[in-house]
C-alpha atoms as a PDB file:
ATOM      1  CA  MET A   1     -13.370  20.408  11.487  1.00  0.00           C
ATOM      2  CA  ASP A   2     -10.122  22.246  10.773  1.00  0.00           C
ATOM      3  CA  ASP A   3      -7.490  19.996   9.177  1.00  0.00           C
ATOM      4  CA  THR A   4      -4.544  22.336   9.676  1.00  0.00           C
ATOM      5  CA  PHE A   5      -2.490  19.546  11.232  1.00  0.00           C
ATOM      6  CA  GLY A   6      -3.083  17.271   8.229  1.00  0.00           C
ATOM      7  CA  ASP A   7      -2.176  20.097   5.850  1.00  0.00           C
ATOM      8  CA  ALA A   8       1.048  20.706   7.771  1.00  0.00           C
ATOM      9  CA  ILE A   9       2.011  17.059   7.471  1.00  0.00           C
ATOM     10  CA  ALA A  10       1.221  17.011   3.753  1.00  0.00           C
ATOM     11  CA  THR A  11       3.481  19.960   3.082  1.00  0.00           C
ATOM     12  CA  ARG A  12       6.391  18.294   4.887  1.00  0.00           C
ATOM     13  CA  VAL A  13       6.425  15.134   2.778  1.00  0.00           C
ATOM     14  CA  SER A  14       8.541  15.442  -0.318  1.00  0.00           C
ATOM     15  CA  PRO A  15       7.512  13.880  -3.636  1.00  0.00           C
ATOM     16  CA  ALA A  16      10.677  11.770  -3.434  1.00  0.00           C
ATOM     17  CA  LYS A  17       9.397  10.143  -0.245  1.00  0.00           C
ATOM     18  CA  VAL A  18       6.042   9.352  -1.817  1.00  0.00           C
ATOM     19  CA  THR A  19       7.895   7.838  -4.781  1.00  0.00           C
ATOM     20  CA  GLU A  20       9.928   5.726  -2.359  1.00  0.00           C
ATOM     21  CA  VAL A  21       6.732   4.462  -0.712  1.00  0.00           C
ATOM     22  CA  GLN A  22       5.451   3.492  -4.173  1.00  0.00           C
ATOM     23  CA  ARG A  23       8.690   1.642  -4.943  1.00  0.00           C
ATOM     24  CA  LEU A  24       8.729  -0.222  -1.627  1.00  0.00           C
ATOM     25  CA  ALA A  25       5.039  -1.096  -1.907  1.00  0.00           C
ATOM     26  CA  SER A  26       5.613  -2.474  -5.390  1.00  0.00           C
ATOM     27  CA  THR A  27       8.497  -4.612  -4.143  1.00  0.00           C
ATOM     28  CA  LEU A  28       6.444  -5.903  -1.221  1.00  0.00           C
ATOM     29  CA  ALA A  29       3.492  -6.663  -3.499  1.00  0.00           C
ATOM     30  CA  ALA A  30       5.822  -8.727  -5.702  1.00  0.00           C
ATOM     31  CA  ARG A  31       6.953 -10.721  -2.661  1.00  0.00           C
ATOM     32  CA  VAL A  32       3.367 -11.324  -1.604  1.00  0.00           C
ATOM     33  CA  ARG A  33       2.381 -12.412  -5.113  1.00  0.00           C
ATOM     34  CA  TYR A  34       5.357 -14.792  -5.256  1.00  0.00           C
ATOM     35  CA  ALA A  35       4.365 -16.298  -1.899  1.00  0.00           C
ATOM     36  CA  GLN A  36       0.866 -16.851  -3.286  1.00  0.00           C
ATOM     37  CA  MET A  37       2.236 -18.525  -6.412  1.00  0.00           C
ATOM     38  CA  VAL A  38       4.406 -20.986  -4.477  1.00  0.00           C
ATOM     39  CA  ARG A  39       1.703 -21.475  -1.841  1.00  0.00           C
ATOM     40  CA  ARG A  40       3.677 -20.111   1.077  1.00  0.00           C
ATOM     41  CA  PRO A  41       2.100 -18.295   4.003  1.00  0.00           C
ATOM     42  CA  ILE A  42       2.018 -14.522   3.807  1.00  0.00           C
ATOM     43  CA  PRO A  43       3.021 -12.846   7.065  1.00  0.00           C
ATOM     44  CA  ALA A  44       0.311 -10.615   8.497  1.00  0.00           C
ATOM     45  CA  GLU A  45       2.885  -7.834   8.792  1.00  0.00           C
ATOM     46  CA  GLN A  46       3.267  -7.760   5.009  1.00  0.00           C
ATOM     47  CA  ILE A  47      -0.460  -7.434   4.474  1.00  0.00           C
ATOM     48  CA  THR A  48      -0.622  -4.690   7.097  1.00  0.00           C
ATOM     49  CA  ALA A  49       2.291  -2.851   5.477  1.00  0.00           C
ATOM     50  CA  LEU A  50       0.594  -2.960   2.060  1.00  0.00           C
ATOM     51  CA  ILE A  51      -2.650  -1.620   3.484  1.00  0.00           C
ATOM     52  CA  GLN A  52      -0.819   1.171   5.302  1.00  0.00           C
ATOM     53  CA  ALA A  53       1.059   2.065   2.123  1.00  0.00           C
ATOM     54  CA  ALA A  54      -2.222   2.102   0.199  1.00  0.00           C
ATOM     55  CA  ARG A  55      -3.756   4.484   2.726  1.00  0.00           C
ATOM     56  CA  LEU A  56      -0.739   6.761   2.662  1.00  0.00           C
ATOM     57  CA  LEU A  57      -0.655   6.880  -1.137  1.00  0.00           C
ATOM     58  CA  ALA A  58      -4.392   7.584  -1.231  1.00  0.00           C
ATOM     59  CA  GLU A  59      -3.922  10.379   1.305  1.00  0.00           C
ATOM     60  CA  TYR A  60      -1.368  12.041  -0.970  1.00  0.00           C
ATOM     61  CA  GLU A  61      -3.409  11.264  -4.090  1.00  0.00           C
ATOM     62  CA  ALA A  62      -0.509   9.257  -5.493  1.00  0.00           C
ATOM     63  CA  PRO A  63      -1.192   6.322  -7.811  1.00  0.00           C
ATOM     64  CA  TRP A  64      -0.770   2.811  -6.519  1.00  0.00           C
ATOM     65  CA  PRO A  65       1.742   0.608  -8.313  1.00  0.00           C
ATOM     66  CA  PRO A  66      -0.190  -1.823 -10.566  1.00  0.00           C
ATOM     67  CA  LEU A  67       0.861  -5.018  -8.772  1.00  0.00           C
ATOM     68  CA  MET A  68       0.115  -3.471  -5.392  1.00  0.00           C
ATOM     69  CA  LYS A  69      -3.362  -2.584  -6.630  1.00  0.00           C
ATOM     70  CA  GLN A  70      -3.936  -6.186  -7.756  1.00  0.00           C
ATOM     71  CA  VAL A  71      -2.726  -7.691  -4.480  1.00  0.00           C
ATOM     72  CA  VAL A  72      -4.713  -5.287  -2.282  1.00  0.00           C
ATOM     73  CA  ASN A  73      -7.846  -5.830  -4.387  1.00  0.00           C
ATOM     74  CA  ASP A  74      -7.388  -9.610  -4.113  1.00  0.00           C
ATOM     75  CA  PHE A  75      -7.124  -9.372  -0.317  1.00  0.00           C
ATOM     76  CA  SER A  76     -10.160  -7.110  -0.226  1.00  0.00           C
ATOM     77  CA  LYS A  77     -12.204  -9.693  -2.128  1.00  0.00           C
ATOM     78  CA  ILE A  78     -11.016 -12.460   0.198  1.00  0.00           C
ATOM     79  CA  CYS A  79     -11.954 -10.406   3.262  1.00  0.00           C
ATOM     80  CA  GLN A  80     -15.388  -9.703   1.789  1.00  0.00           C
ATOM     81  CA  GLY A  81     -15.917 -13.418   1.141  1.00  0.00           C
ATOM     82  CA  ARG A  82     -15.969 -13.256  -2.643  1.00  0.00           C
END
């Protein structure tokens, strides 16, 4: 399958925008972690946003912020029943 469309999208995204996604994802991960620490509910929208950010960063082969990686891995384990 030809991925010309995907290549065109990749060339239009600047490194600054990927960096901004990393920054925002890190901030959101900190909010989620804080909510966990004080035993507050975590809105589903926040979990969805983190997963979408993770997919986008993976697509552009950009590293995940460390706290984001921890939070996403924790949710993955919960979803898998571990």
